[in-house]
């Protein structure tokens, strides 16, 4: 696997935003090497971020070598 979450594939400390300013906690799971993210109330996200807080309590996304992945933010460009 290229990316891994916990034993069930869940990934913690993922947030979505509909406007790029206000972020909400999201549900995330690794499925077939893809990170699938959902958040009730956000149908068209414009930004996602992972482990963005100063002390992410349960950041658990790992690469194929088993090492933790760094924090990231991705913004949709149109």
Protein backbone atom coordinates (compact mmCIF):
# COMPACT_ATOMS: atom_id res chain seq x y z
CA UNK A 1 0.00 0.00 0.00
CA UNK A 2 1.19 3.49 -0.79
CA UNK A 3 -0.80 5.13 2.03
CA UNK A 4 -2.15 3.57 5.20
CA UNK A 5 -4.45 4.56 8.03
CA UNK A 6 -5.29 2.45 11.06
CA UNK A 7 -6.20 -1.25 10.84
CA UNK A 8 -9.65 -0.34 9.44
CA UNK A 9 -8.17 2.16 6.98
CA UNK A 10 -9.47 5.16 8.94
CA UNK A 11 -7.39 8.33 8.95
CA UNK A 12 -7.75 10.95 11.68
CA UNK A 13 -7.16 14.72 11.83
CA UNK A 14 -8.52 15.42 8.34
CA UNK A 15 -10.54 18.60 7.77
CA UNK A 16 -12.59 19.91 4.82
CA UNK A 17 -13.66 23.42 3.91
CA UNK A 18 -16.38 24.69 1.59
CA UNK A 19 -14.95 28.21 1.44
CA UNK A 20 -11.22 27.90 2.25
CA UNK A 21 -11.61 29.71 5.58
CA UNK A 22 -13.77 27.60 7.90
CA UNK A 23 -12.71 23.96 8.30
CA UNK A 24 -14.74 21.09 9.73
CA UNK A 25 -13.60 17.68 10.96
CA UNK A 26 -14.07 15.08 8.24
CA UNK A 27 -14.32 11.31 8.01
CA UNK A 28 -11.44 9.83 6.01
CA UNK A 29 -10.55 6.30 5.00
CA UNK A 30 -7.87 4.73 2.81
CA UNK A 31 -9.39 2.50 0.14
CA UNK A 32 -7.28 1.02 -2.68
CA UNK A 33 -4.48 3.55 -2.05
CA UNK A 34 -6.89 6.49 -2.25
CA UNK A 35 -7.84 8.77 0.59
CA UNK A 36 -11.64 9.10 0.54
CA UNK A 37 -12.91 12.08 2.55
CA UNK A 38 -16.46 13.07 3.47
CA UNK A 39 -17.98 15.66 5.75
CA UNK A 40 -21.69 16.17 6.34
CA UNK A 41 -22.76 19.61 5.21
CA UNK A 42 -19.89 20.01 2.73
CA UNK A 43 -20.84 18.79 -0.72
CA UNK A 44 -18.33 20.76 -2.81
CA UNK A 45 -15.12 21.13 -0.80
CA UNK A 46 -12.53 23.63 -1.97
CA UNK A 47 -9.81 22.68 0.51
CA UNK A 48 -8.64 19.71 2.56
CA UNK A 49 -5.94 19.60 5.18
CA UNK A 50 -4.34 16.87 7.26
CA UNK A 51 -2.75 17.16 10.73
CA UNK A 52 -2.89 20.94 10.44
CA UNK A 53 -3.20 21.76 14.14
CA UNK A 54 -0.15 22.46 16.31
CA UNK A 55 -0.56 19.15 18.11
CA UNK A 56 -2.68 16.77 16.02
CA UNK A 57 -3.83 14.20 18.59
CA UNK A 58 -4.32 11.20 16.33
CA UNK A 59 -2.57 11.90 13.03
CA UNK A 60 -2.00 8.42 11.61
CA UNK A 61 -1.52 8.63 7.83
CA UNK A 62 1.57 6.68 6.79
CA UNK A 63 3.47 6.07 3.57
CA UNK A 64 4.42 2.71 2.11
CA UNK A 65 7.57 2.67 4.25
CA UNK A 66 5.44 2.90 7.40
CA UNK A 67 6.67 6.37 8.30
CA UNK A 68 4.16 9.14 9.14
CA UNK A 69 3.32 11.51 6.29
CA UNK A 70 3.80 15.24 6.89
CA UNK A 71 0.97 17.70 7.31
CA UNK A 72 -0.54 18.97 4.08
CA UNK A 73 -3.16 21.28 2.68
CA UNK A 74 -4.65 20.97 -0.78
CA UNK A 75 -6.73 23.73 -2.35
CA UNK A 76 -8.85 23.30 -5.46
CA UNK A 77 -7.70 25.48 -8.32
CA UNK A 78 -10.22 26.44 -10.95
